[in-house]
Amino acid sequence: MPPLEGPEKALDWGERSRHRLMTAAHTALVVEGTWEEADWAELEEKARNVTQAGWWIDQRESEGADLLELLEAAGESDRGTENPFR
């Protein structure tokens, strides 16, 4: 996963929140669910694009099975960009 962006004091919390939610999602969707690894790879790619620590912190109480819906609802400001002038 790429490094998160945001205030310095939110980065560690964001990393922990992202890790917990990604782990819960993998368990719910792949291990206990019906997803194949190819489906998971697509979700993981969407998760890589959300680089704002605050977004992951805001989702910390979410269920793993809801991660795809949450990622699809993420706004443009939650996603990383290569444009330094955004």
C-alpha atoms as a PDB file:
ATOM      1  CA  MET A   1       0.000   0.000   0.000  1.00  0.00           C
ATOM      2  CA  PRO A   2       1.224   3.507  -0.728  1.00  0.00           C
ATOM      3  CA  PRO A   3       2.049   5.915   2.094  1.00  0.00           C
ATOM      4  CA  LEU A   4      -0.863   7.950   3.390  1.00  0.00           C
ATOM      5  CA  GLU A   5      -1.136  11.718   3.204  1.00  0.00           C
ATOM      6  CA  GLY A   6      -2.353  14.080   5.886  1.00  0.00           C
ATOM      7  CA  PRO A   7      -1.292  15.629   9.180  1.00  0.00           C
ATOM      8  CA  GLU A   8       1.735  13.948  10.731  1.00  0.00           C
ATOM      9  CA  LYS A   9      -0.140  12.871  13.868  1.00  0.00           C
ATOM     10  CA  ALA A  10      -2.887  11.203  11.776  1.00  0.00           C
ATOM     11  CA  LEU A  11      -0.591   9.059   9.621  1.00  0.00           C
ATOM     12  CA  ASP A  12      -0.003   6.217  12.106  1.00  0.00           C
ATOM     13  CA  TRP A  13      -3.670   6.122  13.064  1.00  0.00           C
ATOM     14  CA  GLY A  14      -4.641   6.097   9.397  1.00  0.00           C
ATOM     15  CA  GLU A  15      -2.220   3.236   8.694  1.00  0.00           C
ATOM     16  CA  ARG A  16      -3.636   1.184  11.567  1.00  0.00           C
ATOM     17  CA  SER A  17      -7.204   1.922  10.486  1.00  0.00           C
ATOM     18  CA  ARG A  18      -6.446   0.962   6.874  1.00  0.00           C
ATOM     19  CA  HIS A  19      -4.728  -2.253   7.942  1.00  0.00           C
ATOM     20  CA  ARG A  20      -7.604  -3.255  10.234  1.00  0.00           C
ATOM     21  CA  LEU A  21     -10.267  -2.540   7.621  1.00  0.00           C
ATOM     22  CA  MET A  22      -8.379  -4.247   4.794  1.00  0.00           C
ATOM     23  CA  THR A  23      -7.790  -7.328   6.965  1.00  0.00           C
ATOM     24  CA  ALA A  24     -11.454  -7.428   8.012  1.00  0.00           C
ATOM     25  CA  ALA A  25     -12.538  -7.041   4.383  1.00  0.00           C
ATOM     26  CA  HIS A  26     -10.286  -9.859   3.182  1.00  0.00           C
ATOM     27  CA  THR A  27     -11.601 -12.146   5.889  1.00  0.00           C
ATOM     28  CA  ALA A  28     -15.248 -11.292   5.208  1.00  0.00           C
ATOM     29  CA  LEU A  29     -15.091 -11.305   1.423  1.00  0.00           C
ATOM     30  CA  VAL A  30     -12.453 -13.899   0.515  1.00  0.00           C
ATOM     31  CA  VAL A  31     -11.815 -16.203   3.469  1.00  0.00           C
ATOM     32  CA  GLU A  32     -15.409 -16.456   4.701  1.00  0.00           C
ATOM     33  CA  GLY A  33     -17.146 -15.125   1.585  1.00  0.00           C
ATOM     34  CA  THR A  34     -17.369 -16.034  -2.074  1.00  0.00           C
ATOM     35  CA  TRP A  35     -14.800 -13.694  -3.616  1.00  0.00           C
ATOM     36  CA  GLU A  36     -11.904 -15.004  -5.660  1.00  0.00           C
ATOM     37  CA  GLU A  37      -8.404 -13.571  -5.354  1.00  0.00           C
ATOM     38  CA  ALA A  38      -8.930 -11.731  -8.669  1.00  0.00           C
ATOM     39  CA  ASP A  39     -11.936  -9.916  -7.168  1.00  0.00           C
ATOM     40  CA  TRP A  40      -9.832  -9.027  -4.146  1.00  0.00           C
ATOM     41  CA  ALA A  41      -7.053  -7.679  -6.373  1.00  0.00           C
ATOM     42  CA  GLU A  42      -9.529  -5.223  -7.931  1.00  0.00           C
ATOM     43  CA  LEU A  43     -10.694  -4.013  -4.526  1.00  0.00           C
ATOM     44  CA  GLU A  44      -7.101  -3.704  -3.352  1.00  0.00           C
ATOM     45  CA  GLU A  45      -6.303  -1.494  -6.349  1.00  0.00           C
ATOM     46  CA  LYS A  46      -9.207   0.802  -5.467  1.00  0.00           C
ATOM     47  CA  ALA A  47      -7.950   0.951  -1.871  1.00  0.00           C
ATOM     48  CA  ARG A  48      -4.476   1.958  -3.062  1.00  0.00           C
ATOM     49  CA  ASN A  49      -5.980   5.075  -4.642  1.00  0.00           C
ATOM     50  CA  VAL A  50      -7.425   6.353  -1.346  1.00  0.00           C
ATOM     51  CA  THR A  51      -4.394   7.949   0.269  1.00  0.00           C
ATOM     52  CA  GLN A  52      -5.883  10.390   2.769  1.00  0.00           C
ATOM     53  CA  ALA A  53      -5.264   9.183   6.325  1.00  0.00           C
ATOM     54  CA  GLY A  54      -8.428  10.942   7.482  1.00  0.00           C
ATOM     55  CA  TRP A  55     -10.614   8.877   5.152  1.00  0.00           C
ATOM     56  CA  TRP A  56      -9.309   5.629   6.627  1.00  0.00           C
ATOM     57  CA  ILE A  57      -9.700   6.973  10.154  1.00  0.00           C
ATOM     58  CA  ASP A  58     -13.305   7.952   9.401  1.00  0.00           C
ATOM     59  CA  GLN A  59     -14.010   4.374   8.218  1.00  0.00           C
ATOM     60  CA  ARG A  60     -12.406   2.705  11.259  1.00  0.00           C
ATOM     61  CA  GLU A  61     -15.738   1.446  12.658  1.00  0.00           C
ATOM     62  CA  SER A  62     -16.955   0.078   9.310  1.00  0.00           C
ATOM     63  CA  GLU A  63     -17.531  -3.581   8.589  1.00  0.00           C
ATOM     64  CA  GLY A  64     -15.047  -5.265   6.269  1.00  0.00           C
ATOM     65  CA  ALA A  65     -17.815  -6.463   3.965  1.00  0.00           C
ATOM     66  CA  ASP A  66     -18.732  -2.817   3.283  1.00  0.00           C
ATOM     67  CA  LEU A  67     -15.297  -1.774   2.049  1.00  0.00           C
ATOM     68  CA  LEU A  68     -16.076  -1.954  -1.687  1.00  0.00           C
ATOM     69  CA  GLU A  69     -19.105   0.326  -1.276  1.00  0.00           C
ATOM     70  CA  LEU A  70     -17.086   2.732   0.872  1.00  0.00           C
ATOM     71  CA  LEU A  71     -14.261   2.908  -1.664  1.00  0.00           C
ATOM     72  CA  GLU A  72     -16.675   3.561  -4.504  1.00  0.00           C
ATOM     73  CA  ALA A  73     -18.218   6.417  -2.505  1.00  0.00           C
ATOM     74  CA  ALA A  74     -14.831   7.989  -1.685  1.00  0.00           C
ATOM     75  CA  GLY A  75     -14.545  11.521  -3.028  1.00  0.00           C
ATOM     76  CA  GLU A  76     -11.892  12.947  -5.309  1.00  0.00           C
ATOM     77  CA  SER A  77     -10.243  14.684  -2.335  1.00  0.00           C
ATOM     78  CA  ASP A  78      -9.734  11.278  -0.669  1.00  0.00           C
ATOM     79  CA  ARG A  79      -7.799   9.894  -3.622  1.00  0.00           C
ATOM     80  CA  GLY A  80      -4.168  10.501  -4.332  1.00  0.00           C
ATOM     81  CA  THR A  81      -3.006  12.305  -7.417  1.00  0.00           C
ATOM     82  CA  GLU A  82       0.230  12.907  -9.208  1.00  0.00           C
ATOM     83  CA  ASN A  83      -0.751  16.532  -9.684  1.00  0.00           C
ATOM     84  CA  PRO A  84       1.152  18.593  -7.100  1.00  0.00           C
ATOM     85  CA  PHE A  85      -1.118  21.617  -7.738  1.00  0.00           C
ATOM     86  CA  ARG A  86      -4.404  19.938  -6.782  1.00  0.00           C
END
